[in-house]
Amino acid sequence: MVGGETAARVFGRSPEARLALLRAAWVHVAGPELARRTEVLAIEGHTLRIRVADSRWRKVLHRMQADLIPRLRQLAGGAAPRRLGFTEGGLLEAADPRPRPRIVPDEDVRPPEVIELASRAIADPELRRSFVEAAGRYLRRSTCAKP
């Protein structure tokens, strides 16, 4: 693929640039949910090292490897690894370079009951909290905009 080979030529010149390319590609290759549950650590030869929270996630990613490697090759061309290696351990929130704003919800503005009921279907507590906060922000913005 032309795009992947161009990326490999531009980013493949130094190990740091190659790792930056692979970290950026990982989010697109793995998808946002899986990417937030993993951390790209290093590139060692032809192996991309990825930290996972526990053995369950290591097994899941190991099974997905045959799908993930070609996707990485599509985006990163020759800079893509030939295999993935997994390390178990706690994930660092600081590994994500994007700042995560922490919004303190207004005490007097609560999402309607329908939002709270809908949020119960979200199993992940962090996603559930984000959903409720986003709904609260939306409602505050829409009520502030009205004259």
Protein backbone atom coordinates (compact mmCIF):
# COMPACT_ATOMS: atom_id res chain seq x y z
CA MET A 1 0.00 0.00 0.00
CA VAL A 2 1.37 3.39 -0.99
CA GLY A 3 0.35 5.17 2.24
CA GLY A 4 1.97 2.55 4.45
CA GLU A 5 5.22 2.58 2.53
CA THR A 6 5.31 6.38 2.61
CA ALA A 7 4.79 6.27 6.38
CA ALA A 8 7.60 3.69 6.68
CA ARG A 9 9.98 5.93 4.68
CA VAL A 10 9.15 9.02 6.73
CA PHE A 11 8.96 7.45 10.20
CA GLY A 12 11.22 4.43 9.80
CA ARG A 13 14.48 6.38 9.94
CA SER A 14 14.79 6.39 13.72
CA PRO A 15 13.55 3.98 16.39
CA GLU A 16 11.76 6.82 18.21
CA ALA A 17 9.90 7.93 15.09
CA ARG A 18 9.01 4.31 14.24
CA LEU A 19 7.61 3.78 17.73
CA ALA A 20 5.61 7.03 17.47
CA LEU A 21 4.16 5.84 14.16
CA LEU A 22 3.21 2.47 15.62
CA ARG A 23 1.64 4.06 18.71
CA ALA A 24 -0.48 6.30 16.49
CA ALA A 25 -1.41 3.39 14.21
CA TRP A 26 -2.29 1.15 17.18
CA VAL A 27 -5.38 3.20 18.05
CA HIS A 28 -6.70 2.77 14.50
CA VAL A 29 -5.70 -0.88 14.22
CA ALA A 30 -6.96 -2.05 17.61
CA GLY A 31 -9.92 0.33 17.85
CA PRO A 32 -10.51 2.83 20.64
CA GLU A 33 -11.86 0.37 23.21
CA LEU A 34 -8.99 -2.10 22.90
CA ALA A 35 -6.43 0.68 22.57
CA ARG A 36 -7.48 2.20 25.87
CA ARG A 37 -7.03 -1.18 27.54
CA THR A 38 -3.49 -1.58 26.19
CA GLU A 39 -0.26 0.39 26.08
CA VAL A 40 2.32 0.27 23.30
CA LEU A 41 5.64 0.01 25.12
CA ALA A 42 8.46 -0.51 22.65
CA ILE A 43 9.59 -1.97 19.38
CA GLU A 44 12.26 -4.64 19.81
CA GLY A 45 13.56 -5.78 16.45
CA HIS A 46 10.49 -7.10 14.66
CA THR A 47 8.32 -7.35 17.79
CA LEU A 48 5.98 -4.66 19.05
CA ARG A 49 5.72 -4.88 22.85
CA ILE A 50 2.29 -4.14 24.25
CA ARG A 51 1.28 -3.98 27.91
CA VAL A 52 -2.05 -5.53 28.84
CA ALA A 53 -3.79 -5.49 32.20
CA ASP A 54 -3.87 -9.25 32.80
CA SER A 55 -3.60 -12.73 31.31
CA ARG A 56 -7.16 -12.60 29.99
CA TRP A 57 -6.35 -9.61 27.79
CA ARG A 58 -3.02 -11.18 26.79
CA LYS A 59 -4.88 -14.26 25.51
CA VAL A 60 -7.43 -12.15 23.64
CA LEU A 61 -4.75 -10.11 21.91
CA HIS A 62 -2.66 -13.17 21.16
CA ARG A 63 -5.63 -14.65 19.29
CA MET A 64 -6.16 -11.35 17.44
CA GLN A 65 -2.54 -11.06 16.35
CA ALA A 66 -3.19 -12.55 12.89
CA ASP A 67 -5.69 -9.73 12.22
CA LEU A 68 -3.73 -6.92 13.88
CA ILE A 69 -0.38 -7.40 12.11
CA PRO A 70 -1.80 -6.97 8.57
CA ARG A 71 -3.68 -3.85 9.70
CA LEU A 72 -0.46 -2.43 11.12
CA ARG A 73 1.31 -3.24 7.86
CA GLN A 74 -1.41 -1.42 5.94
CA LEU A 75 -0.84 1.78 7.94
CA ALA A 76 2.88 1.56 8.71
CA GLY A 77 4.20 -0.39 5.71
CA GLY A 78 7.70 -1.80 6.28
CA ALA A 79 7.87 -0.11 9.70
CA ALA A 80 5.21 -2.51 10.98
CA PRO A 81 6.31 -5.34 13.27
CA ARG A 82 6.18 -9.00 12.27
CA ARG A 83 4.79 -10.06 15.63
CA LEU A 84 3.33 -8.73 18.86
CA GLY A 85 4.70 -9.45 22.32
CA PHE A 86 2.62 -8.91 25.43
CA THR A 87 3.57 -7.85 28.93
CA GLU A 88 1.10 -8.04 31.79
CA GLY A 89 0.90 -5.20 34.25
CA GLY A 90 -0.92 -2.11 35.31
CA LEU A 91 -1.59 0.36 32.56
CA LEU A 92 -0.36 3.90 32.97
CA GLU A 93 -2.90 6.64 32.31
CA ALA A 94 0.06 8.90 31.56
CA ALA A 95 0.86 6.72 28.55
CA ASP A 96 -1.96 8.44 26.67
CA PRO A 97 -0.51 11.79 25.60
CA ARG A 98 -3.93 13.34 25.15
CA PRO A 99 -5.13 15.25 28.21
CA ARG A 100 -8.27 13.87 29.76
CA PRO A 101 -10.37 16.69 31.12
CA ARG A 102 -12.04 15.98 34.41
CA ILE A 103 -15.36 17.74 34.53
CA VAL A 104 -17.05 18.19 37.85
CA PRO A 105 -20.78 17.95 37.25
CA ASP A 106 -22.99 20.69 38.65
CA GLU A 107 -24.79 19.45 41.74
CA ASP A 108 -28.07 21.04 40.70
CA VAL A 109 -28.12 19.58 37.18
CA ARG A 110 -28.75 15.86 37.00
CA PRO A 111 -29.42 13.93 33.83
CA PRO A 112 -33.04 12.85 33.38
CA GLU A 113 -34.02 9.45 34.68
CA VAL A 114 -34.02 8.03 31.13
CA ILE A 115 -30.26 8.83 30.85
CA GLU A 116 -29.50 7.17 34.17
CA LEU A 117 -31.56 4.13 33.19
CA ALA A 118 -29.81 3.92 29.81
CA SER A 119 -26.41 4.16 31.52
CA ARG A 120 -27.11 0.98 33.50
CA ALA A 121 -26.75 -1.01 30.27
CA ILE A 122 -23.09 0.09 30.01
CA ALA A 123 -20.99 -2.53 31.80
CA ASP A 124 -17.72 -0.60 31.96
CA PRO A 125 -17.91 1.81 34.94
CA GLU A 126 -15.60 4.37 33.32
CA LEU A 127 -17.62 4.41 30.11
CA ARG A 128 -20.86 4.62 32.11
CA ARG A 129 -19.54 7.62 34.06
CA SER A 130 -18.36 9.30 30.84
CA PHE A 131 -21.76 8.73 29.23
CA VAL A 132 -23.62 10.30 32.17
CA GLU A 133 -21.16 13.24 32.31
CA ALA A 134 -21.50 13.84 28.56
CA ALA A 135 -25.29 13.77 28.81
CA GLY A 136 -25.11 16.21 31.73
CA ARG A 137 -22.84 18.58 29.78
CA TYR A 138 -25.15 18.40 26.78
CA LEU A 139 -28.19 19.17 28.90
CA ARG A 140 -26.43 22.08 30.66
CA ARG A 141 -25.36 23.51 27.32
CA SER A 142 -28.81 23.15 25.78
CA THR A 143 -30.55 24.72 28.79
CA CYS A 144 -28.03 27.59 28.93
CA ALA A 145 -28.54 28.34 25.24
CA LYS A 146 -32.28 28.88 25.66
CA PRO A 147 -33.36 32.50 26.39
